[in-house]
Structure formats: structure tokens, C-alpha cells
Amino acid sequence: MFQLLLFCIVVAVISGALGFTGIAAGAATIAKIIFFFMLAGIALMLILAVMGLAILF
């Protein structure tokens, strides 16, 4: 998921620099959504770790 986030950020920056603002806005929106999902997942894992519940992947 982190690789997809980085890909969307790179696409947004490059397309914004080249003038494709519609593509840049779409890629930035997708990157924001992925970022907040990752942030929520990390917060959930930290809360469960503090409570003593282990998540094994």
C-alpha cells in the first residue's frame, strides 16, 4: 500500500509540473485517501498493542 501511495504522489507531482492539473488533482486525492487509511491502520495497531492484543501478520 505504501508503494501505491508513493506512486500516486510521484504521478501527481510530475503531471502537475507538466500542466496536467486534472490528472494531478485525481492522483493527489487518491494519495490522500490511501494515506488516511494507512494512518487509521497504524493507529488501530498501536491501540491494540497498548491493550495487549497482538496482531500477527
PDB file of N, CA and C in Angstrom:
ATOM      1  N   MET A   1       0.829  -1.180   0.000  1.00  0.00           N
ATOM      2  CA  MET A   1       0.000   0.000   0.000  1.00  0.00           C
ATOM      3  C   MET A   1       0.883   1.257   0.000  1.00  0.00           C
ATOM      4  N   PHE A   2       2.018   1.175   0.681  1.00  0.00           N
ATOM      5  CA  PHE A   2       2.921   2.321   0.731  1.00  0.00           C
ATOM      6  C   PHE A   2       3.483   2.623  -0.659  1.00  0.00           C
ATOM      7  N   GLN A   3       3.741   1.559  -1.439  1.00  0.00           N
ATOM      8  CA  GLN A   3       4.254   1.764  -2.797  1.00  0.00           C
ATOM      9  C   GLN A   3       3.211   2.452  -3.672  1.00  0.00           C
ATOM     10  N   LEU A   4       1.947   2.091  -3.499  1.00  0.00           N
ATOM     11  CA  LEU A   4       0.878   2.737  -4.251  1.00  0.00           C
ATOM     12  C   LEU A   4       0.760   4.213  -3.868  1.00  0.00           C
ATOM     13  N   LEU A   5       0.930   4.504  -2.583  1.00  0.00           N
ATOM     14  CA  LEU A   5       0.902   5.888  -2.120  1.00  0.00           C
ATOM     15  C   LEU A   5       2.025   6.694  -2.761  1.00  0.00           C
ATOM     16  N   LEU A   6       3.228   6.140  -2.751  1.00  0.00           N
ATOM     17  CA  LEU A   6       4.357   6.843  -3.356  1.00  0.00           C
ATOM     18  C   LEU A   6       4.168   7.027  -4.864  1.00  0.00           C
ATOM     19  N   PHE A   7       3.615   6.012  -5.526  1.00  0.00           N
ATOM     20  CA  PHE A   7       3.354   6.115  -6.963  1.00  0.00           C
ATOM     21  C   PHE A   7       2.374   7.250  -7.250  1.00  0.00           C
ATOM     22  N   CYS A   8       1.297   7.347  -6.471  1.00  0.00           N
ATOM     23  CA  CYS A   8       0.305   8.407  -6.688  1.00  0.00           C
ATOM     24  C   CYS A   8       0.900   9.784  -6.444  1.00  0.00           C
ATOM     25  N   ILE A   9       1.763   9.889  -5.443  1.00  0.00           N
ATOM     26  CA  ILE A   9       2.402  11.176  -5.162  1.00  0.00           C
ATOM     27  C   ILE A   9       3.315  11.573  -6.316  1.00  0.00           C
ATOM     28  N   VAL A  10       4.093  10.626  -6.827  1.00  0.00           N
ATOM     29  CA  VAL A  10       5.001  10.920  -7.946  1.00  0.00           C
ATOM     30  C   VAL A  10       4.210  11.309  -9.189  1.00  0.00           C
ATOM     31  N   VAL A  11       3.130  10.589  -9.473  1.00  0.00           N
ATOM     32  CA  VAL A  11       2.291  10.921 -10.628  1.00  0.00           C
ATOM     33  C   VAL A  11       1.704  12.322 -10.474  1.00  0.00           C
ATOM     34  N   ALA A  12       1.248  12.650  -9.268  1.00  0.00           N
ATOM     35  CA  ALA A  12       0.663  13.975  -9.033  1.00  0.00           C
ATOM     36  C   ALA A  12       1.692  15.083  -9.238  1.00  0.00           C
ATOM     37  N   VAL A  13       2.899  14.873  -8.741  1.00  0.00           N
ATOM     38  CA  VAL A  13       3.931  15.909  -8.865  1.00  0.00           C
ATOM     39  C   VAL A  13       4.359  16.079 -10.323  1.00  0.00           C
ATOM     40  N   ILE A  14       4.600  14.971 -11.006  1.00  0.00           N
ATOM     41  CA  ILE A  14       5.065  15.066 -12.393  1.00  0.00           C
ATOM     42  C   ILE A  14       3.977  15.641 -13.297  1.00  0.00           C
ATOM     43  N   SER A  15       2.745  15.158 -13.150  1.00  0.00           N
ATOM     44  CA  SER A  15       1.682  15.675 -14.017  1.00  0.00           C
ATOM     45  C   SER A  15       1.354  17.129 -13.692  1.00  0.00           C
ATOM     46  N   GLY A  16       1.484  17.520 -12.434  1.00  0.00           N
ATOM     47  CA  GLY A  16       1.283  18.928 -12.085  1.00  0.00           C
ATOM     48  C   GLY A  16       2.358  19.814 -12.686  1.00  0.00           C
ATOM     49  N   ALA A  17       3.603  19.313 -12.686  1.00  0.00           N
ATOM     50  CA  ALA A  17       4.704  20.089 -13.255  1.00  0.00           C
ATOM     51  C   ALA A  17       4.562  20.224 -14.777  1.00  0.00           C
ATOM     52  N   LEU A  18       3.960  19.224 -15.409  1.00  0.00           N
ATOM     53  CA  LEU A  18       3.790  19.274 -16.862  1.00  0.00           C
ATOM     54  C   LEU A  18       2.506  19.975 -17.288  1.00  0.00           C
ATOM     55  N   GLY A  19       1.671  20.365 -16.326  1.00  0.00           N
ATOM     56  CA  GLY A  19       0.475  21.123 -16.653  1.00  0.00           C
ATOM     57  C   GLY A  19      -0.805  20.321 -16.735  1.00  0.00           C
ATOM     58  N   PHE A  20      -0.746  19.047 -16.447  1.00  0.00           N
ATOM     59  CA  PHE A  20      -1.952  18.218 -16.461  1.00  0.00           C
ATOM     60  C   PHE A  20      -2.622  18.294 -15.081  1.00  0.00           C
ATOM     61  N   THR A  21      -3.324  19.375 -14.831  1.00  0.00           N
ATOM     62  CA  THR A  21      -3.841  19.619 -13.485  1.00  0.00           C
ATOM     63  C   THR A  21      -4.962  18.664 -13.093  1.00  0.00           C
ATOM     64  N   GLY A  22      -5.743  18.203 -14.049  1.00  0.00           N
ATOM     65  CA  GLY A  22      -6.815  17.260 -13.736  1.00  0.00           C
ATOM     66  C   GLY A  22      -6.268  15.935 -13.247  1.00  0.00           C
ATOM     67  N   ILE A  23      -5.248  15.433 -13.928  1.00  0.00           N
ATOM     68  CA  ILE A  23      -4.615  14.181 -13.519  1.00  0.00           C
ATOM     69  C   ILE A  23      -3.923  14.359 -12.180  1.00  0.00           C
ATOM     70  N   ALA A  24      -3.273  15.507 -11.986  1.00  0.00           N
ATOM     71  CA  ALA A  24      -2.576  15.771 -10.734  1.00  0.00           C
ATOM     72  C   ALA A  24      -3.554  15.819  -9.565  1.00  0.00           C
ATOM     73  N   ALA A  25      -4.691  16.438  -9.765  1.00  0.00           N
ATOM     74  CA  ALA A  25      -5.688  16.523  -8.688  1.00  0.00           C
ATOM     75  C   ALA A  25      -6.252  15.149  -8.353  1.00  0.00           C
ATOM     76  N   GLY A  26      -6.495  14.325  -9.364  1.00  0.00           N
ATOM     77  CA  GLY A  26      -7.001  12.981  -9.125  1.00  0.00           C
ATOM     78  C   GLY A  26      -5.996  12.115  -8.379  1.00  0.00           C
ATOM     79  N   ALA A  27      -4.746  12.168  -8.798  1.00  0.00           N
ATOM     80  CA  ALA A  27      -3.708  11.376  -8.138  1.00  0.00           C
ATOM     81  C   ALA A  27      -3.485  11.852  -6.707  1.00  0.00           C
ATOM     82  N   ALA A  28      -3.553  13.154  -6.484  1.00  0.00           N
ATOM     83  CA  ALA A  28      -3.378  13.687  -5.129  1.00  0.00           C
ATOM     84  C   ALA A  28      -4.538  13.261  -4.230  1.00  0.00           C
ATOM     85  N   THR A  29      -5.738  13.229  -4.758  1.00  0.00           N
ATOM     86  CA  THR A  29      -6.897  12.791  -3.982  1.00  0.00           C
ATOM     87  C   THR A  29      -6.770  11.321  -3.598  1.00  0.00           C
ATOM     88  N   ILE A  30      -6.355  10.490  -4.538  1.00  0.00           N
ATOM     89  CA  ILE A  30      -6.155   9.069  -4.245  1.00  0.00           C
ATOM     90  C   ILE A  30      -5.060   8.894  -3.199  1.00  0.00           C
ATOM     91  N   ALA A  31      -3.977   9.661  -3.309  1.00  0.00           N
ATOM     92  CA  ALA A  31      -2.887   9.579  -2.337  1.00  0.00           C
ATOM     93  C   ALA A  31      -3.362   9.983  -0.943  1.00  0.00           C
ATOM     94  N   LYS A  32      -4.218  10.997  -0.847  1.00  0.00           N
ATOM     95  CA  LYS A  32      -4.750  11.412   0.452  1.00  0.00           C
ATOM     96  C   LYS A  32      -5.598  10.315   1.082  1.00  0.00           C
ATOM     97  N   ILE A  33      -6.434   9.679   0.264  1.00  0.00           N
ATOM     98  CA  ILE A  33      -7.302   8.616   0.775  1.00  0.00           C
ATOM     99  C   ILE A  33      -6.466   7.444   1.277  1.00  0.00           C
ATOM    100  N   ILE A  34      -5.470   7.036   0.499  1.00  0.00           N
ATOM    101  CA  ILE A  34      -4.606   5.928   0.916  1.00  0.00           C
ATOM    102  C   ILE A  34      -3.842   6.294   2.179  1.00  0.00           C
ATOM    103  N   PHE A  35      -3.364   7.533   2.263  1.00  0.00           N
ATOM    104  CA  PHE A  35      -2.630   7.975   3.446  1.00  0.00           C
ATOM    105  C   PHE A  35      -3.488   7.874   4.701  1.00  0.00           C
ATOM    106  N   PHE A  36      -4.736   8.317   4.623  1.00  0.00           N
ATOM    107  CA  PHE A  36      -5.578   8.271   5.816  1.00  0.00           C
ATOM    108  C   PHE A  36      -5.976   6.848   6.186  1.00  0.00           C
ATOM    109  N   PHE A  37      -6.124   5.955   5.201  1.00  0.00           N
ATOM    110  CA  PHE A  37      -6.360   4.541   5.521  1.00  0.00           C
ATOM    111  C   PHE A  37      -5.151   3.943   6.231  1.00  0.00           C
ATOM    112  N   MET A  38      -3.945   4.271   5.748  1.00  0.00           N
ATOM    113  CA  MET A  38      -2.738   3.778   6.402  1.00  0.00           C
ATOM    114  C   MET A  38      -2.612   4.342   7.808  1.00  0.00           C
ATOM    115  N   LEU A  39      -2.925   5.617   7.977  1.00  0.00           N
ATOM    116  CA  LEU A  39      -2.855   6.249   9.285  1.00  0.00           C
ATOM    117  C   LEU A  39      -3.835   5.611  10.262  1.00  0.00           C
ATOM    118  N   ALA A  40      -5.045   5.305   9.800  1.00  0.00           N
ATOM    119  CA  ALA A  40      -6.038   4.651  10.646  1.00  0.00           C
ATOM    120  C   ALA A  40      -5.587   3.240  11.029  1.00  0.00           C
ATOM    121  N   GLY A  41      -4.985   2.521  10.088  1.00  0.00           N
ATOM    122  CA  GLY A  41      -4.482   1.181  10.380  1.00  0.00           C
ATOM    123  C   GLY A  41      -3.364   1.187  11.401  1.00  0.00           C
ATOM    124  N   ILE A  42      -2.455   2.143  11.282  1.00  0.00           N
ATOM    125  CA  ILE A  42      -1.364   2.256  12.248  1.00  0.00           C
ATOM    126  C   ILE A  42      -1.901   2.622  13.624  1.00  0.00           C
ATOM    127  N   ALA A  43      -2.855   3.539  13.674  1.00  0.00           N
ATOM    128  CA  ALA A  43      -3.451   3.926  14.952  1.00  0.00           C
ATOM    129  C   ALA A  43      -4.163   2.734  15.601  1.00  0.00           C
ATOM    130  N   LEU A  44      -4.870   1.952  14.803  1.00  0.00           N
ATOM    131  CA  LEU A  44      -5.562   0.773  15.323  1.00  0.00           C
ATOM    132  C   LEU A  44      -4.572  -0.239  15.883  1.00  0.00           C
ATOM    133  N   MET A  45      -3.476  -0.471  15.167  1.00  0.00           N
ATOM    134  CA  MET A  45      -2.471  -1.410  15.656  1.00  0.00           C
ATOM    135  C   MET A  45      -1.809  -0.916  16.941  1.00  0.00           C
ATOM    136  N   LEU A  46      -1.571   0.393  17.040  1.00  0.00           N
ATOM    137  CA  LEU A  46      -0.984   0.937  18.258  1.00  0.00           C
ATOM    138  C   LEU A  46      -1.938   0.804  19.440  1.00  0.00           C
ATOM    139  N   ILE A  47      -3.206   1.064  19.217  1.00  0.00           N
ATOM    140  CA  ILE A  47      -4.193   0.932  20.293  1.00  0.00           C
ATOM    141  C   ILE A  47      -4.285  -0.511  20.758  1.00  0.00           C
ATOM    142  N   LEU A  48      -4.310  -1.449  19.815  1.00  0.00           N
ATOM    143  CA  LEU A  48      -4.370  -2.859  20.187  1.00  0.00           C
ATOM    144  C   LEU A  48      -3.097  -3.308  20.893  1.00  0.00           C
ATOM    145  N   ALA A  49      -1.947  -2.761  20.502  1.00  0.00           N
ATOM    146  CA  ALA A  49      -0.689  -3.110  21.162  1.00  0.00           C
ATOM    147  C   ALA A  49      -0.675  -2.604  22.602  1.00  0.00           C
ATOM    148  N   VAL A  50      -1.212  -1.417  22.835  1.00  0.00           N
ATOM    149  CA  VAL A  50      -1.268  -0.869  24.180  1.00  0.00           C
ATOM    150  C   VAL A  50      -2.210  -1.696  25.052  1.00  0.00           C
ATOM    151  N   MET A  51      -3.285  -2.200  24.456  1.00  0.00           N
ATOM    152  CA  MET A  51      -4.249  -3.027  25.192  1.00  0.00           C
ATOM    153  C   MET A  51      -3.713  -4.435  25.428  1.00  0.00           C
ATOM    154  N   GLY A  52      -2.623  -4.810  24.776  1.00  0.00           N
ATOM    155  CA  GLY A  52      -2.038  -6.106  24.977  1.00  0.00           C
ATOM    156  C   GLY A  52      -2.474  -7.153  23.971  1.00  0.00           C
ATOM    157  N   LEU A  53      -3.211  -6.762  22.976  1.00  0.00           N
ATOM    158  CA  LEU A  53      -3.637  -7.690  21.941  1.00  0.00           C
ATOM    159  C   LEU A  53      -2.636  -7.660  20.794  1.00  0.00           C
ATOM    160  N   ALA A  54      -2.139  -8.805  20.418  1.00  0.00           N
ATOM    161  CA  ALA A  54      -1.134  -8.857  19.361  1.00  0.00           C
ATOM    162  C   ALA A  54      -1.791  -9.240  18.039  1.00  0.00           C
ATOM    163  N   ILE A  55      -1.386  -8.557  16.992  1.00  0.00           N
ATOM    164  CA  ILE A  55      -1.856  -8.891  15.644  1.00  0.00           C
ATOM    165  C   ILE A  55      -0.664  -9.507  14.920  1.00  0.00           C
ATOM    166  N   LEU A  56      -0.820 -10.727  14.485  1.00  0.00           N
ATOM    167  CA  LEU A  56       0.259 -11.396  13.751  1.00  0.00           C
ATOM    168  C   LEU A  56      -0.100 -11.419  12.279  1.00  0.00           C
ATOM    169  N   PHE A  57       0.844 -10.983  11.451  1.00  0.00           N
ATOM    170  CA  PHE A  57       0.618 -10.992  10.011  1.00  0.00           C
ATOM    171  C   PHE A  57       1.442 -12.077   9.395  1.00  0.00           C
TER     172      PHE A  57
END
